[in-house]
Amino acid sequence: MIQQHRQARALDWIDGLELPARSQVLEVGPGTGFMTAALAQREFVVHTADTSRRMFDIARKRAADLTSRERLVLADAHHLPFADREFALVVALGVIPWLRSAPLAVAEMARVLRPGGYLILNADNSRRLALLLDPRHAPALAPARLAAKSLLHSAGMLRPTAEQAAVSAHRMAEFDRILNAAGLELPVASGRFAIRLNARLQRLADQGVPGVRSAGAQYLVLARAPVPADTFLPAAGREPPGELFSRG
């Protein structure tokens, strides 16, 4: 459900940008190819980059009838094999939490954006309500959890478990700093929503109510590459609806 809402919101933003047909678009981490197909259906020339051969093949099959508008490459988000300023839009949904270095990957995405190009991506919110209310994860209970684990280990009641792949989460202010460090602009208007909360909480999040606005599971961002003062760009659609931060 979260992924469906996230993709629907992202596509709504993309439609609002009114990018012209044949715009060069990059999707980092296409997964099973749903977003890839949706972008190709909008008549963009879609390039996708993924390190997983399996996901690469799934995305290729899903977009088999759109091959004239799609370019799939095996590539690492930390080292994108594309020229500077190549794309009008970069989309990376469900990618940041799994990367070794979010700052490096975001910098790479910013590098390949043309002046005035757009980046849509999301990060997991380390301060989401589900974690704050869960005794297994609440930051305030971290000392108690550590003490309990140490006691159980000492008593031989808790055995080490196999390491799982690390999934990173960010505070929203921290992720903003990563975007700013990459030279990306975050416009002033905002819209917020919380996918996993009920309709009332979502409306409060959309209004930016303190406490609620930062409680969603994910942070969905629309950012833009700056346009140098001496650069002329032809009109390519409306201005974006602003800094669209989604807490879902």
Foldseek 3Di string as FASTA:
>chain_A
DVVVVQLVVVVVLVVQQQFDAQFEEEEECCFQQPSVQVVLVVRYQYEYEAQDPVRLVNNCVVCVVSVVRYHYDHDDLLDDPDAFQAGQEYEYEPHQQQDPDNLSSLLSVLRNHHAFHKYKYKFFALQAQVQCPDCVRNPVCVVVVVVVVVVCVVVVNDDDDDDDRGTDGDHPVVVVVSNVVSQKAFFDDEAEAAPPDDPVLRVCLRVVPPPSVRHAGMWIWMITHHDDPPDDDPRRHDDGPTTYTYRD
